[in-house]
Protein backbone atom coordinates (compact mmCIF):
# COMPACT_ATOMS: atom_id res chain seq x y z
CA MET A 1 109.75 130.07 92.70
CA GLU A 2 112.11 129.14 90.00
CA ARG A 3 114.95 126.77 90.90
CA PRO A 4 118.49 126.71 89.58
CA TYR A 5 117.77 123.55 87.61
CA ASP A 6 114.24 124.25 86.22
CA ASN A 7 115.65 125.96 83.36
CA PHE A 8 118.24 123.20 82.76
CA ALA A 9 115.97 120.28 82.79
CA THR A 10 115.32 120.26 79.11
CA TYR A 11 118.88 120.11 78.16
CA TYR A 12 120.16 118.03 81.12
CA ASP A 13 120.19 114.49 79.76
CA ARG A 14 121.67 115.85 76.37
CA VAL A 15 124.24 117.68 78.20
CA PHE A 16 125.50 114.90 80.57
CA ARG A 17 125.07 111.95 77.68
CA PRO A 18 128.84 111.89 77.17
CA PHE A 19 129.74 111.90 80.89
CA GLU A 20 127.12 109.20 81.47
CA ARG A 21 128.78 106.84 78.69
CA LEU A 22 132.34 107.62 79.84
CA TYR A 23 132.08 107.35 83.85
CA LEU A 24 128.68 108.32 85.44
CA ALA A 25 126.73 105.25 84.34
CA ALA A 26 129.18 102.85 85.89
CA ALA A 27 129.50 105.12 88.97
CA ARG A 28 125.69 104.94 89.20
CA ARG A 29 125.44 101.10 89.00
CA GLU A 30 128.13 100.77 91.61
CA THR A 31 126.54 103.07 94.06
CA ILE A 32 122.87 101.69 93.54
CA ALA A 33 124.30 98.06 93.83
CA GLU A 34 124.95 98.87 97.62
CA LEU A 35 121.16 98.97 98.31
CA PRO A 36 119.37 96.18 99.69
CA GLU A 37 116.82 94.32 97.30
CA ASN A 38 113.05 93.96 98.18
CA ALA A 39 113.22 96.99 100.22
CA MET A 40 111.50 100.34 100.58
CA LEU A 41 113.66 102.79 99.01
CA LEU A 42 114.12 106.49 98.71
CA GLU A 43 115.96 108.49 96.11
CA VAL A 44 116.73 112.17 97.03
CA GLY A 45 117.29 114.56 94.10
CA ALA A 46 116.16 112.21 91.30
CA GLY A 47 116.47 114.95 88.84
CA THR A 48 115.44 113.59 85.31
CA GLY A 49 115.62 110.02 86.46
CA ALA A 50 118.96 109.02 85.36
CA ASN A 51 119.25 106.28 88.01
CA PHE A 52 115.66 104.67 87.36
CA GLU A 53 117.20 101.79 85.23
CA TYR A 54 119.77 100.91 87.86
CA TYR A 55 117.35 100.33 90.85
CA PRO A 56 117.38 96.94 92.43
CA ARG A 57 114.17 94.99 92.73
CA PHE A 58 112.26 96.80 95.42
CA ARG A 59 109.12 96.48 97.55
CA SER A 60 108.38 100.21 97.07
CA ALA A 61 110.33 103.19 95.86
CA VAL A 62 109.83 106.91 95.98
CA ALA A 63 111.93 109.22 93.91
CA SER A 64 111.89 112.77 95.13
CA GLU A 65 113.09 115.87 93.41
CA LEU A 66 112.69 119.55 94.06
CA SER A 67 112.53 121.02 90.46
CA PRO A 68 108.90 120.64 89.07
CA GLN A 69 110.68 120.71 85.47
CA MET A 70 113.29 118.05 86.42
CA LEU A 71 110.66 115.74 87.69
CA GLY A 72 108.33 116.19 84.64
CA HIS A 73 111.28 114.57 82.66
CA ALA A 74 111.65 111.84 85.13
CA ARG A 75 108.04 111.01 84.84
CA THR A 76 108.54 109.75 81.43
CA LYS A 77 111.11 107.28 82.56
CA THR A 78 109.02 104.92 85.00
CA SER A 79 105.64 103.83 85.94
CA SER A 80 106.59 101.70 88.90
CA ILE A 81 108.62 104.39 91.02
CA ALA A 82 106.61 106.85 92.90
CA LEU A 83 107.52 110.41 92.08
CA THR A 84 107.17 113.36 94.64
CA GLN A 85 108.28 117.02 94.55
CA ALA A 86 110.22 117.55 97.81
CA ASP A 87 113.04 119.46 99.21
CA ALA A 88 115.58 117.17 101.02
CA GLN A 89 115.77 119.41 103.96
CA GLN A 90 112.13 118.94 104.59
CA LEU A 91 111.08 115.60 103.56
CA PRO A 92 107.26 114.89 103.42
CA PHE A 93 107.41 111.29 104.96
CA PRO A 94 106.84 109.60 108.32
CA ASP A 95 109.55 108.81 110.79
CA ASP A 96 111.19 105.27 109.89
CA ARG A 97 109.43 104.82 106.42
CA PHE A 98 112.32 103.55 104.36
CA ASP A 99 114.85 100.71 104.60
CA ALA A 100 117.31 102.68 102.75
CA ALA A 101 117.86 106.04 100.80
CA PHE A 102 120.36 107.27 98.12
CA ALA A 103 121.44 110.18 96.24
CA THR A 104 123.83 110.67 93.37
CA LEU A 105 125.26 114.27 92.72
CA VAL A 106 122.77 115.88 94.71
CA PHE A 107 124.55 117.04 97.95
CA CYS A 108 126.57 119.54 96.35
CA THR A 109 123.28 121.71 95.66
CA ILE A 110 121.52 121.40 98.77
CA PRO A 111 121.63 124.56 100.94
CA ASP A 112 122.03 122.95 104.29
CA PRO A 113 123.41 119.40 103.91
CA ALA A 114 123.26 118.71 107.73
CA ARG A 115 119.60 119.43 107.80
CA ALA A 116 119.16 117.09 104.83
CA PHE A 117 120.95 114.28 106.48
CA GLY A 118 118.91 114.84 109.57
CA GLU A 119 115.72 114.28 107.61
CA LEU A 120 117.44 111.27 105.90
CA SER A 121 118.23 110.02 109.53
CA ARG A 122 114.41 110.66 110.38
CA VAL A 123 112.80 108.76 107.38
CA VAL A 124 115.10 105.82 107.07
CA LYS A 125 114.69 102.98 109.79
CA PRO A 126 117.36 102.64 112.45
CA GLY A 127 120.09 100.39 110.75
CA GLY A 128 119.19 101.34 107.47
CA LEU A 129 121.65 102.42 104.70
CA ILE A 130 122.07 105.83 103.26
CA VAL A 131 124.37 105.52 99.96
CA LEU A 132 125.65 108.46 98.21
CA PHE A 133 127.75 109.43 94.90
CA GLU A 134 129.15 112.81 95.22
CA HIS A 135 131.61 114.98 93.74
CA VAL A 136 133.67 116.42 96.78
CA ARG A 137 136.60 118.63 97.49
CA PRO A 138 139.67 116.53 96.79
CA SER A 139 142.65 116.72 99.05
CA GLY A 140 146.01 118.41 98.18
CA ILE A 141 146.56 121.01 95.78
CA LEU A 142 143.64 119.79 93.59
CA GLY A 143 141.49 120.84 96.77
CA TYR A 144 142.36 124.55 96.30
CA VAL A 145 141.57 124.56 92.92
CA PHE A 146 138.04 123.21 93.82
CA ASP A 147 137.71 126.21 96.28
CA VAL A 148 138.32 128.65 93.42
CA LEU A 149 136.08 126.82 90.96
CA SER A 150 133.16 126.51 93.67
CA ARG A 151 133.09 130.16 93.68
CA ALA A 152 131.98 130.11 89.90
CA THR A 153 129.65 127.15 90.06
CA VAL A 154 127.82 128.36 93.29
CA ALA A 155 127.16 131.69 91.44
CA LEU A 156 126.10 130.10 88.14
CA ILE A 157 124.28 126.93 89.21
CA ASP A 158 124.34 126.91 93.12
CA ASP A 159 126.63 123.92 92.78
CA HIS A 160 129.41 123.48 95.54
CA PHE A 161 132.50 121.94 94.34
CA ASP A 162 134.21 122.30 97.82
CA ARG A 163 132.10 120.12 100.06
CA ARG A 164 133.24 117.55 102.38
CA THR A 165 130.05 115.50 102.37
CA ALA A 166 131.25 112.25 104.25
CA GLU A 167 132.55 114.49 107.10
CA THR A 168 129.16 116.46 107.11
CA ALA A 169 127.35 113.18 107.15
CA ARG A 170 129.43 111.86 110.07
CA LEU A 171 128.84 115.20 112.03
CA SER A 172 125.17 114.80 111.42
CA GLY A 173 125.29 111.41 113.22
CA LEU A 174 125.49 108.93 110.61
CA GLU A 175 127.90 105.86 111.08
CA ILE A 176 130.17 105.91 107.95
CA ILE A 177 130.93 102.43 106.92
CA GLU A 178 132.83 103.08 103.74
CA ILE A 179 134.13 105.89 101.49
CA ARG A 180 135.46 104.82 98.26
CA SER A 181 137.50 107.71 96.68
CA LYS A 182 137.14 107.86 92.91
CA ALA A 183 138.72 109.82 90.16
CA PHE A 184 141.70 111.39 92.01
CA GLY A 185 139.39 112.03 95.00
CA ILE A 186 137.00 114.20 92.77
CA PHE A 187 134.10 111.82 93.74
CA ASN A 188 133.08 109.76 96.70
CA LEU A 189 131.08 106.79 96.78
CA ILE A 190 129.82 107.12 100.54
CA VAL A 191 127.93 104.14 102.55
CA ALA A 192 126.38 105.19 105.72
CA ARG A 193 124.10 103.64 108.39
CA VAL A 194 121.31 105.41 110.40
CA GLY A 195 121.96 104.64 114.29
CA ALA A 196 119.54 103.16 116.56
């Protein structure tokens, strides 16, 4: 089955390079700095491996990605991170496997974010962190602009610009520790904890 990002995989790094230099690289570093060191880590939606260079020291790390084409590009960027093709809504890992998990710019494309949060809560140990950097629906008039924009992005690349990701995480049972609003509320860095 072809996925929205399969055809985009070849061009993804090239298209996003200017955004990485201007903003995303720093946002990735800040997000991943929230993860514990010497831990067992899970990345969901690893894409082409843009986060790999920012990983902290780890005991073990697994990067999962739904698109086999994106995963193929990621394989060229690491020899120490285990890569696996997986759907965030149905993770192929046992309960309480990881100390922490993270995702960057992923929950906007997951069909059922609440189900994915349920899976993360299952595979991350109680008390473990889930750290996210996501574009979200901003408040105020800009939010209405994103509602309209989302209609086009969903049709083109199945990308939802109007999600309220922190609220969905909270309603899914995660304890929200911190939300850092970035770029006029267009992005959120979300730090959450799995309950006991």
